[in-house]
Amino acid sequence: MGRPSLDPVVFFKIVIVGYLENICSDRALERMINNRLDLRFFIDYDLNEKVQDHSTICKTRQRIPIEVFNHILLLCVKEGLVDGKFQSIDSIAVYT
């Protein structure tokens, strides 16, 4: 009963989209993914698939330790996807 779970790969792709697009609000992130085909393609969602609710994204984010986010972002830095100078995760600033 309740909301379906959020695939961890999709969740981290959503977090990366928020970082790259400089979006700190889960509501704004949900709206942006709903409105942009390129982001839907990136997180592997079809046009008719419902994007996860902002509250599901927020609750998932709260359950994962910040060290996991740092590790994922460091992997992105090593691959050259981001510059690694500053990150903002839902109003929490973390310097890497």
PDB file of N, CA and C in Angstrom:
ATOM      1  N   MET A   1       0.860  -1.164   0.000  1.00  0.00           N
ATOM      2  CA  MET A   1       0.000   0.000   0.000  1.00  0.00           C
ATOM      3  C   MET A   1       0.907   1.228   0.000  1.00  0.00           C
ATOM      4  N   GLY A   2       0.612   2.273  -0.573  1.00  0.00           N
ATOM      5  CA  GLY A   2       1.471   3.448  -0.597  1.00  0.00           C
ATOM      6  C   GLY A   2       2.139   3.616  -1.953  1.00  0.00           C
ATOM      7  N   ARG A   3       3.089   4.514  -2.006  1.00  0.00           N
ATOM      8  CA  ARG A   3       3.773   4.823  -3.264  1.00  0.00           C
ATOM      9  C   ARG A   3       4.749   3.724  -3.653  1.00  0.00           C
ATOM     10  N   PRO A   4       4.925   3.535  -4.960  1.00  0.00           N
ATOM     11  CA  PRO A   4       5.942   2.573  -5.389  1.00  0.00           C
ATOM     12  C   PRO A   4       7.336   3.086  -5.057  1.00  0.00           C
ATOM     13  N   SER A   5       8.261   2.152  -4.872  1.00  0.00           N
ATOM     14  CA  SER A   5       9.626   2.550  -4.518  1.00  0.00           C
ATOM     15  C   SER A   5      10.311   3.226  -5.698  1.00  0.00           C
ATOM     16  N   LEU A   6      11.340   3.952  -5.393  1.00  0.00           N
ATOM     17  CA  LEU A   6      12.119   4.673  -6.392  1.00  0.00           C
ATOM     18  C   LEU A   6      13.391   3.897  -6.685  1.00  0.00           C
ATOM     19  N   ASP A   7      13.594   3.551  -7.942  1.00  0.00           N
ATOM     20  CA  ASP A   7      14.793   2.822  -8.362  1.00  0.00           C
ATOM     21  C   ASP A   7      16.027   3.660  -8.006  1.00  0.00           C
ATOM     22  N   PRO A   8      17.016   3.059  -7.319  1.00  0.00           N
ATOM     23  CA  PRO A   8      18.200   3.826  -6.908  1.00  0.00           C
ATOM     24  C   PRO A   8      18.946   4.476  -8.073  1.00  0.00           C
ATOM     25  N   VAL A   9      19.014   3.810  -9.213  1.00  0.00           N
ATOM     26  CA  VAL A   9      19.696   4.389 -10.378  1.00  0.00           C
ATOM     27  C   VAL A   9      18.945   5.628 -10.850  1.00  0.00           C
ATOM     28  N   VAL A  10      17.631   5.536 -10.914  1.00  0.00           N
ATOM     29  CA  VAL A  10      16.816   6.685 -11.317  1.00  0.00           C
ATOM     30  C   VAL A  10      16.971   7.811 -10.299  1.00  0.00           C
ATOM     31  N   PHE A  11      16.975   7.463  -9.020  1.00  0.00           N
ATOM     32  CA  PHE A  11      17.131   8.490  -7.991  1.00  0.00           C
ATOM     33  C   PHE A  11      18.438   9.252  -8.155  1.00  0.00           C
ATOM     34  N   PHE A  12      19.551   8.535  -8.333  1.00  0.00           N
ATOM     35  CA  PHE A  12      20.830   9.234  -8.462  1.00  0.00           C
ATOM     36  C   PHE A  12      20.911  10.014  -9.767  1.00  0.00           C
ATOM     37  N   LYS A  13      20.245   9.550 -10.812  1.00  0.00           N
ATOM     38  CA  LYS A  13      20.186  10.343 -12.041  1.00  0.00           C
ATOM     39  C   LYS A  13      19.413  11.636 -11.790  1.00  0.00           C
ATOM     40  N   ILE A  14      18.326  11.547 -11.014  1.00  0.00           N
ATOM     41  CA  ILE A  14      17.554  12.742 -10.676  1.00  0.00           C
ATOM     42  C   ILE A  14      18.406  13.721  -9.865  1.00  0.00           C
ATOM     43  N   VAL A  15      19.179  13.205  -8.911  1.00  0.00           N
ATOM     44  CA  VAL A  15      20.062  14.052  -8.104  1.00  0.00           C
ATOM     45  C   VAL A  15      21.109  14.734  -8.987  1.00  0.00           C
ATOM     46  N   ILE A  16      21.665  13.987  -9.933  1.00  0.00           N
ATOM     47  CA  ILE A  16      22.664  14.560 -10.850  1.00  0.00           C
ATOM     48  C   ILE A  16      22.027  15.643 -11.711  1.00  0.00           C
ATOM     49  N   VAL A  17      20.797  15.407 -12.180  1.00  0.00           N
ATOM     50  CA  VAL A  17      20.090  16.436 -12.956  1.00  0.00           C
ATOM     51  C   VAL A  17      19.929  17.694 -12.109  1.00  0.00           C
ATOM     52  N   GLY A  18      19.525  17.539 -10.863  1.00  0.00           N
ATOM     53  CA  GLY A  18      19.379  18.695  -9.979  1.00  0.00           C
ATOM     54  C   GLY A  18      20.680  19.443  -9.813  1.00  0.00           C
ATOM     55  N   TYR A  19      21.775  18.708  -9.686  1.00  0.00           N
ATOM     56  CA  TYR A  19      23.089  19.342  -9.528  1.00  0.00           C
ATOM     57  C   TYR A  19      23.494  20.080 -10.798  1.00  0.00           C
ATOM     58  N   LEU A  20      23.374  19.409 -11.934  1.00  0.00           N
ATOM     59  CA  LEU A  20      23.809  20.009 -13.200  1.00  0.00           C
ATOM     60  C   LEU A  20      22.932  21.186 -13.625  1.00  0.00           C
ATOM     61  N   GLU A  21      21.649  21.125 -13.282  1.00  0.00           N
ATOM     62  CA  GLU A  21      20.723  22.206 -13.652  1.00  0.00           C
ATOM     63  C   GLU A  21      20.613  23.269 -12.563  1.00  0.00           C
ATOM     64  N   ASN A  22      21.362  23.093 -11.466  1.00  0.00           N
ATOM     65  CA  ASN A  22      21.354  24.027 -10.343  1.00  0.00           C
ATOM     66  C   ASN A  22      19.956  24.196  -9.750  1.00  0.00           C
ATOM     67  N   ILE A  23      19.306  23.061  -9.510  1.00  0.00           N
ATOM     68  CA  ILE A  23      17.960  23.056  -8.938  1.00  0.00           C
ATOM     69  C   ILE A  23      18.052  22.501  -7.519  1.00  0.00           C
ATOM     70  N   CYS A  24      17.666  23.300  -6.546  1.00  0.00           N
ATOM     71  CA  CYS A  24      17.755  22.885  -5.137  1.00  0.00           C
ATOM     72  C   CYS A  24      16.423  22.421  -4.574  1.00  0.00           C
ATOM     73  N   SER A  25      15.345  22.633  -5.280  1.00  0.00           N
ATOM     74  CA  SER A  25      14.013  22.270  -4.799  1.00  0.00           C
ATOM     75  C   SER A  25      13.553  20.976  -5.461  1.00  0.00           C
ATOM     76  N   ASP A  26      13.069  20.034  -4.650  1.00  0.00           N
ATOM     77  CA  ASP A  26      12.556  18.784  -5.206  1.00  0.00           C
ATOM     78  C   ASP A  26      11.295  19.014  -6.044  1.00  0.00           C
ATOM     79  N   ARG A  27      10.484  19.986  -5.644  1.00  0.00           N
ATOM     80  CA  ARG A  27       9.287  20.315  -6.433  1.00  0.00           C
ATOM     81  C   ARG A  27       9.679  20.853  -7.814  1.00  0.00           C
ATOM     82  N   ALA A  28      10.662  21.735  -7.835  1.00  0.00           N
ATOM     83  CA  ALA A  28      11.122  22.288  -9.116  1.00  0.00           C
ATOM     84  C   ALA A  28      11.758  21.198  -9.969  1.00  0.00           C
ATOM     85  N   LEU A  29      12.470  20.291  -9.338  1.00  0.00           N
ATOM     86  CA  LEU A  29      13.093  19.184 -10.054  1.00  0.00           C
ATOM     87  C   LEU A  29      12.034  18.280 -10.677  1.00  0.00           C
ATOM     88  N   GLU A  30      10.987  17.972  -9.928  1.00  0.00           N
ATOM     89  CA  GLU A  30       9.880  17.161 -10.450  1.00  0.00           C
ATOM     90  C   GLU A  30       9.227  17.847 -11.654  1.00  0.00           C
ATOM     91  N   ARG A  31       8.968  19.162 -11.532  1.00  0.00           N
ATOM     92  CA  ARG A  31       8.356  19.911 -12.641  1.00  0.00           C
ATOM     93  C   ARG A  31       9.250  19.901 -13.880  1.00  0.00           C
ATOM     94  N   MET A  32      10.547  20.112 -13.680  1.00  0.00           N
ATOM     95  CA  MET A  32      11.460  20.175 -14.814  1.00  0.00           C
ATOM     96  C   MET A  32      11.524  18.825 -15.540  1.00  0.00           C
ATOM     97  N   ILE A  33      11.600  17.737 -14.791  1.00  0.00           N
ATOM     98  CA  ILE A  33      11.660  16.413 -15.420  1.00  0.00           C
ATOM     99  C   ILE A  33      10.357  16.113 -16.150  1.00  0.00           C
ATOM    100  N   ASN A  34       9.243  16.564 -15.591  1.00  0.00           N
ATOM    101  CA  ASN A  34       7.953  16.371 -16.262  1.00  0.00           C
ATOM    102  C   ASN A  34       7.879  17.118 -17.587  1.00  0.00           C
ATOM    103  N   ASN A  35       8.572  18.245 -17.693  1.00  0.00           N
ATOM    104  CA  ASN A  35       8.446  19.113 -18.857  1.00  0.00           C
ATOM    105  C   ASN A  35       9.525  18.941 -19.922  1.00  0.00           C
ATOM    106  N   ARG A  36      10.593  18.223 -19.621  1.00  0.00           N
ATOM    107  CA  ARG A  36      11.703  18.132 -20.579  1.00  0.00           C
ATOM    108  C   ARG A  36      11.928  16.702 -21.048  1.00  0.00           C
ATOM    109  N   LEU A  37      11.868  16.527 -22.351  1.00  0.00           N
ATOM    110  CA  LEU A  37      12.050  15.194 -22.931  1.00  0.00           C
ATOM    111  C   LEU A  37      13.467  14.669 -22.739  1.00  0.00           C
ATOM    112  N   ASP A  38      14.464  15.544 -22.814  1.00  0.00           N
ATOM    113  CA  ASP A  38      15.844  15.085 -22.650  1.00  0.00           C
ATOM    114  C   ASP A  38      16.088  14.513 -21.258  1.00  0.00           C
ATOM    115  N   LEU A  39      15.462  15.108 -20.238  1.00  0.00           N
ATOM    116  CA  LEU A  39      15.634  14.602 -18.886  1.00  0.00           C
ATOM    117  C   LEU A  39      14.888  13.288 -18.689  1.00  0.00           C
ATOM    118  N   ARG A  40      13.724  13.172 -19.296  1.00  0.00           N
ATOM    119  CA  ARG A  40      12.992  11.901 -19.248  1.00  0.00           C
ATOM    120  C   ARG A  40      13.817  10.792 -19.902  1.00  0.00           C
ATOM    121  N   PHE A  41      14.440  11.109 -21.008  1.00  0.00           N
ATOM    122  CA  PHE A  41      15.287  10.133 -21.693  1.00  0.00           C
ATOM    123  C   PHE A  41      16.474   9.748 -20.805  1.00  0.00           C
ATOM    124  N   PHE A  42      17.078  10.733 -20.141  1.00  0.00           N
ATOM    125  CA  PHE A  42      18.237  10.485 -19.292  1.00  0.00           C
ATOM    126  C   PHE A  42      17.899   9.552 -18.127  1.00  0.00           C
ATOM    127  N   ILE A  43      16.728   9.731 -17.516  1.00  0.00           N
ATOM    128  CA  ILE A  43      16.365   8.866 -16.390  1.00  0.00           C
ATOM    129  C   ILE A  43      15.591   7.627 -16.837  1.00  0.00           C
ATOM    130  N   ASP A  44      15.502   7.404 -18.130  1.00  0.00           N
ATOM    131  CA  ASP A  44      14.850   6.221 -18.716  1.00  0.00           C
ATOM    132  C   ASP A  44      13.355   6.153 -18.419  1.00  0.00           C
ATOM    133  N   TYR A  45      12.671   7.271 -18.537  1.00  0.00           N
ATOM    134  CA  TYR A  45      11.217   7.312 -18.370  1.00  0.00           C
ATOM    135  C   TYR A  45      10.566   7.565 -19.727  1.00  0.00           C
ATOM    136  N   ASP A  46       9.505   6.825 -20.024  1.00  0.00           N
ATOM    137  CA  ASP A  46       8.731   7.045 -21.237  1.00  0.00           C
ATOM    138  C   ASP A  46       7.821   8.262 -21.060  1.00  0.00           C
ATOM    139  N   LEU A  47       7.233   8.702 -22.168  1.00  0.00           N
ATOM    140  CA  LEU A  47       6.335   9.854 -22.111  1.00  0.00           C
ATOM    141  C   LEU A  47       5.122   9.604 -21.225  1.00  0.00           C
ATOM    142  N   ASN A  48       4.634   8.375 -21.226  1.00  0.00           N
ATOM    143  CA  ASN A  48       3.428   8.079 -20.458  1.00  0.00           C
ATOM    144  C   ASN A  48       3.719   7.652 -19.019  1.00  0.00           C
ATOM    145  N   GLU A  49       5.002   7.582 -18.645  1.00  0.00           N
ATOM    146  CA  GLU A  49       5.385   7.184 -17.288  1.00  0.00           C
ATOM    147  C   GLU A  49       5.320   8.384 -16.351  1.00  0.00           C
ATOM    148  N   LYS A  50       4.731   8.168 -15.183  1.00  0.00           N
ATOM    149  CA  LYS A  50       4.612   9.247 -14.199  1.00  0.00           C
ATOM    150  C   LYS A  50       5.947   9.422 -13.479  1.00  0.00           C
ATOM    151  N   VAL A  51       6.420  10.665 -13.435  1.00  0.00           N
ATOM    152  CA  VAL A  51       7.653  10.986 -12.721  1.00  0.00           C
ATOM    153  C   VAL A  51       7.375  10.895 -11.226  1.00  0.00           C
ATOM    154  N   GLN A  52       8.368  10.447 -10.473  1.00  0.00           N
ATOM    155  CA  GLN A  52       8.211  10.305  -9.032  1.00  0.00           C
ATOM    156  C   GLN A  52       7.815  11.629  -8.395  1.00  0.00           C
ATOM    157  N   ASP A  53       6.946  11.547  -7.412  1.00  0.00           N
ATOM    158  CA  ASP A  53       6.500  12.711  -6.676  1.00  0.00           C
ATOM    159  C   ASP A  53       7.670  13.336  -5.900  1.00  0.00           C
ATOM    160  N   HIS A  54       7.639  14.655  -5.744  1.00  0.00           N
ATOM    161  CA  HIS A  54       8.724  15.349  -5.043  1.00  0.00           C
ATOM    162  C   HIS A  54       8.921  14.827  -3.624  1.00  0.00           C
ATOM    163  N   SER A  55       7.835  14.406  -2.968  1.00  0.00           N
ATOM    164  CA  SER A  55       7.978  13.916  -1.595  1.00  0.00           C
ATOM    165  C   SER A  55       8.720  12.579  -1.556  1.00  0.00           C
ATOM    166  N   THR A  56       8.544  11.752  -2.583  1.00  0.00           N
ATOM    167  CA  THR A  56       9.281  10.483  -2.663  1.00  0.00           C
ATOM    168  C   THR A  56      10.764  10.751  -2.869  1.00  0.00           C
ATOM    169  N   ILE A  57      11.078  11.725  -3.712  1.00  0.00           N
ATOM    170  CA  ILE A  57      12.483  12.099  -3.937  1.00  0.00           C
ATOM    171  C   ILE A  57      13.087  12.607  -2.635  1.00  0.00           C
ATOM    172  N   CYS A  58      12.356  13.453  -1.927  1.00  0.00           N
ATOM    173  CA  CYS A  58      12.843  14.031  -0.669  1.00  0.00           C
ATOM    174  C   CYS A  58      13.062  12.949   0.388  1.00  0.00           C
ATOM    175  N   LYS A  59      12.110  12.045   0.548  1.00  0.00           N
ATOM    176  CA  LYS A  59      12.234  10.990   1.558  1.00  0.00           C
ATOM    177  C   LYS A  59      13.383  10.043   1.228  1.00  0.00           C
ATOM    178  N   THR A  60      13.571   9.758  -0.051  1.00  0.00           N
ATOM    179  CA  THR A  60      14.689   8.902  -0.460  1.00  0.00           C
ATOM    180  C   THR A  60      16.007   9.595  -0.152  1.00  0.00           C
ATOM    181  N   ARG A  61      16.073  10.885  -0.439  1.00  0.00           N
ATOM    182  CA  ARG A  61      17.284  11.670  -0.175  1.00  0.00           C
ATOM    183  C   ARG A  61      17.630  11.655   1.319  1.00  0.00           C
ATOM    184  N   GLN A  62      16.618  11.723   2.180  1.00  0.00           N
ATOM    185  CA  GLN A  62      16.844  11.748   3.624  1.00  0.00           C
ATOM    186  C   GLN A  62      17.351  10.411   4.159  1.00  0.00           C
ATOM    187  N   ARG A  63      17.047   9.328   3.465  1.00  0.00           N
ATOM    188  CA  ARG A  63      17.446   7.997   3.927  1.00  0.00           C
ATOM    189  C   ARG A  63      18.865   7.610   3.530  1.00  0.00           C
ATOM    190  N   ILE A  64      19.456   8.370   2.625  1.00  0.00           N
ATOM    191  CA  ILE A  64      20.783   8.023   2.125  1.00  0.00           C
ATOM    192  C   ILE A  64      21.812   8.945   2.770  1.00  0.00           C
ATOM    193  N   PRO A  65      22.855   8.381   3.373  1.00  0.00           N
ATOM    194  CA  PRO A  65      23.876   9.218   4.024  1.00  0.00           C
ATOM    195  C   PRO A  65      24.575  10.138   3.024  1.00  0.00           C
ATOM    196  N   ILE A  66      24.988  11.300   3.492  1.00  0.00           N
ATOM    197  CA  ILE A  66      25.644  12.301   2.648  1.00  0.00           C
ATOM    198  C   ILE A  66      26.931  11.748   2.039  1.00  0.00           C
ATOM    199  N   GLU A  67      27.581  10.788   2.705  1.00  0.00           N
ATOM    200  CA  GLU A  67      28.815  10.195   2.171  1.00  0.00           C
ATOM    201  C   GLU A  67      28.565   9.494   0.838  1.00  0.00           C
ATOM    202  N   VAL A  68      27.374   8.924   0.685  1.00  0.00           N
ATOM    203  CA  VAL A  68      27.031   8.260  -0.583  1.00  0.00           C
ATOM    204  C   VAL A  68      26.938   9.294  -1.699  1.00  0.00           C
ATOM    205  N   PHE A  69      26.294  10.437  -1.417  1.00  0.00           N
ATOM    206  CA  PHE A  69      26.211  11.506  -2.411  1.00  0.00           C
ATOM    207  C   PHE A  69      27.606  11.990  -2.797  1.00  0.00           C
ATOM    208  N   ASN A  70      28.443  12.184  -1.782  1.00  0.00           N
ATOM    209  CA  ASN A  70      29.808  12.644  -2.056  1.00  0.00           C
ATOM    210  C   ASN A  70      30.556  11.649  -2.935  1.00  0.00           C
ATOM    211  N   HIS A  71      30.405  10.365  -2.658  1.00  0.00           N
ATOM    212  CA  HIS A  71      31.082   9.342  -3.450  1.00  0.00           C
ATOM    213  C   HIS A  71      30.609   9.364  -4.906  1.00  0.00           C
ATOM    214  N   ILE A  72      29.307   9.437  -5.098  1.00  0.00           N
ATOM    215  CA  ILE A  72      28.748   9.470  -6.459  1.00  0.00           C
ATOM    216  C   ILE A  72      29.248  10.712  -7.194  1.00  0.00           C
ATOM    217  N   LEU A  73      29.236  11.867  -6.529  1.00  0.00           N
ATOM    218  CA  LEU A  73      29.695  13.088  -7.184  1.00  0.00           C
ATOM    219  C   LEU A  73      31.197  13.055  -7.463  1.00  0.00           C
ATOM    220  N   LEU A  74      31.970  12.431  -6.592  1.00  0.00           N
ATOM    221  CA  LEU A  74      33.403  12.291  -6.865  1.00  0.00           C
ATOM    222  C   LEU A  74      33.647  11.415  -8.093  1.00  0.00           C
ATOM    223  N   LEU A  75      32.832  10.387  -8.255  1.00  0.00           N
ATOM    224  CA  LEU A  75      32.929   9.565  -9.468  1.00  0.00           C
ATOM    225  C   LEU A  75      32.612  10.401 -10.713  1.00  0.00           C
ATOM    226  N   CYS A  76      31.620  11.273 -10.597  1.00  0.00           N
ATOM    227  CA  CYS A  76      31.276  12.159 -11.722  1.00  0.00           C
ATOM    228  C   CYS A  76      32.410  13.124 -12.027  1.00  0.00           C
ATOM    229  N   VAL A  77      33.068  13.629 -10.979  1.00  0.00           N
ATOM    230  CA  VAL A  77      34.207  14.540 -11.167  1.00  0.00           C
ATOM    231  C   VAL A  77      35.335  13.808 -11.885  1.00  0.00           C
ATOM    232  N   LYS A  78      35.637  12.582 -11.446  1.00  0.00           N
ATOM    233  CA  LYS A  78      36.720  11.801 -12.071  1.00  0.00           C
ATOM    234  C   LYS A  78      36.454  11.531 -13.544  1.00  0.00           C
ATOM    235  N   GLU A  79      35.183  11.387 -13.901  1.00  0.00           N
ATOM    236  CA  GLU A  79      34.822  11.145 -15.300  1.00  0.00           C
ATOM    237  C   GLU A  79      34.676  12.434 -16.099  1.00  0.00           C
ATOM    238  N   GLY A  80      34.829  13.586 -15.437  1.00  0.00           N
ATOM    239  CA  GLY A  80      34.757  14.868 -16.130  1.00  0.00           C
ATOM    240  C   GLY A  80      33.349  15.376 -16.374  1.00  0.00           C
ATOM    241  N   LEU A  81      32.353  14.823 -15.671  1.00  0.00           N
ATOM    242  CA  LEU A  81      30.977  15.263 -15.875  1.00  0.00           C
ATOM    243  C   LEU A  81      30.670  16.574 -15.157  1.00  0.00           C
ATOM    244  N   VAL A  82      31.333  16.822 -14.023  1.00  0.00           N
ATOM    245  CA  VAL A  82      31.160  18.058 -13.266  1.00  0.00           C
ATOM    246  C   VAL A  82      32.533  18.538 -12.825  1.00  0.00           C
ATOM    247  N   ASP A  83      32.626  19.805 -12.384  1.00  0.00           N
ATOM    248  CA  ASP A  83      33.939  20.328 -12.019  1.00  0.00           C
ATOM    249  C   ASP A  83      34.335  20.040 -10.579  1.00  0.00           C
ATOM    250  N   GLY A  84      33.382  19.713  -9.705  1.00  0.00           N
ATOM    251  CA  GLY A  84      33.713  19.291  -8.351  1.00  0.00           C
ATOM    252  C   GLY A  84      34.070  20.388  -7.379  1.00  0.00           C
ATOM    253  N   LYS A  85      33.746  21.637  -7.685  1.00  0.00           N
ATOM    254  CA  LYS A  85      34.092  22.732  -6.786  1.00  0.00           C
ATOM    255  C   LYS A  85      33.045  22.956  -5.706  1.00  0.00           C
ATOM    256  N   PHE A  86      31.765  22.829  -6.031  1.00  0.00           N
ATOM    257  CA  PHE A  86      30.707  23.117  -5.077  1.00  0.00           C
ATOM    258  C   PHE A  86      29.475  22.312  -5.454  1.00  0.00           C
ATOM    259  N   GLN A  87      28.803  21.778  -4.443  1.00  0.00           N
ATOM    260  CA  GLN A  87      27.541  21.079  -4.703  1.00  0.00           C
ATOM    261  C   GLN A  87      26.489  21.539  -3.696  1.00  0.00           C
ATOM    262  N   SER A  88      25.254  21.540  -4.092  1.00  0.00           N
ATOM    263  CA  SER A  88      24.157  21.891  -3.207  1.00  0.00           C
ATOM    264  C   SER A  88      23.108  20.806  -3.307  1.00  0.00           C
ATOM    265  N   ILE A  89      22.810  20.177  -2.187  1.00  0.00           N
ATOM    266  CA  ILE A  89      21.826  19.094  -2.185  1.00  0.00           C
ATOM    267  C   ILE A  89      20.683  19.506  -1.282  1.00  0.00           C
ATOM    268  N   ASP A  90      19.588  19.947  -1.893  1.00  0.00           N
ATOM    269  CA  ASP A  90      18.376  20.312  -1.180  1.00  0.00           C
ATOM    270  C   ASP A  90      18.654  21.226   0.007  1.00  0.00           C
ATOM    271  N   SER A  91      19.303  22.309  -0.261  1.00  0.00           N
ATOM    272  CA  SER A  91      19.626  23.384   0.681  1.00  0.00           C
ATOM    273  C   SER A  91      20.741  23.038   1.671  1.00  0.00           C
ATOM    274  N   ILE A  92      21.454  21.921   1.455  1.00  0.00           N
ATOM    275  CA  ILE A  92      22.598  21.577   2.285  1.00  0.00           C
ATOM    276  C   ILE A  92      23.848  21.734   1.425  1.00  0.00           C
ATOM    277  N   ALA A  93      24.722  22.647   1.780  1.00  0.00           N
ATOM    278  CA  ALA A  93      25.932  22.866   0.993  1.00  0.00           C
ATOM    279  C   ALA A  93      27.031  21.948   1.491  1.00  0.00           C
ATOM    280  N   VAL A  94      27.719  21.294   0.555  1.00  0.00           N
ATOM    281  CA  VAL A  94      28.815  20.395   0.878  1.00  0.00           C
ATOM    282  C   VAL A  94      29.974  20.732  -0.039  1.00  0.00           C
ATOM    283  N   TYR A  95      31.132  20.999   0.519  1.00  0.00           N
ATOM    284  CA  TYR A  95      32.308  21.311  -0.281  1.00  0.00           C
ATOM    285  C   TYR A  95      33.097  20.041  -0.517  1.00  0.00           C
ATOM    286  N   THR A  96      33.496  19.825  -1.777  1.00  0.00           N
ATOM    287  CA  THR A  96      34.287  18.630  -2.115  1.00  0.00           C
ATOM    288  C   THR A  96      35.681  19.029  -2.518  1.00  0.00           C
TER     289      THR A  96
END
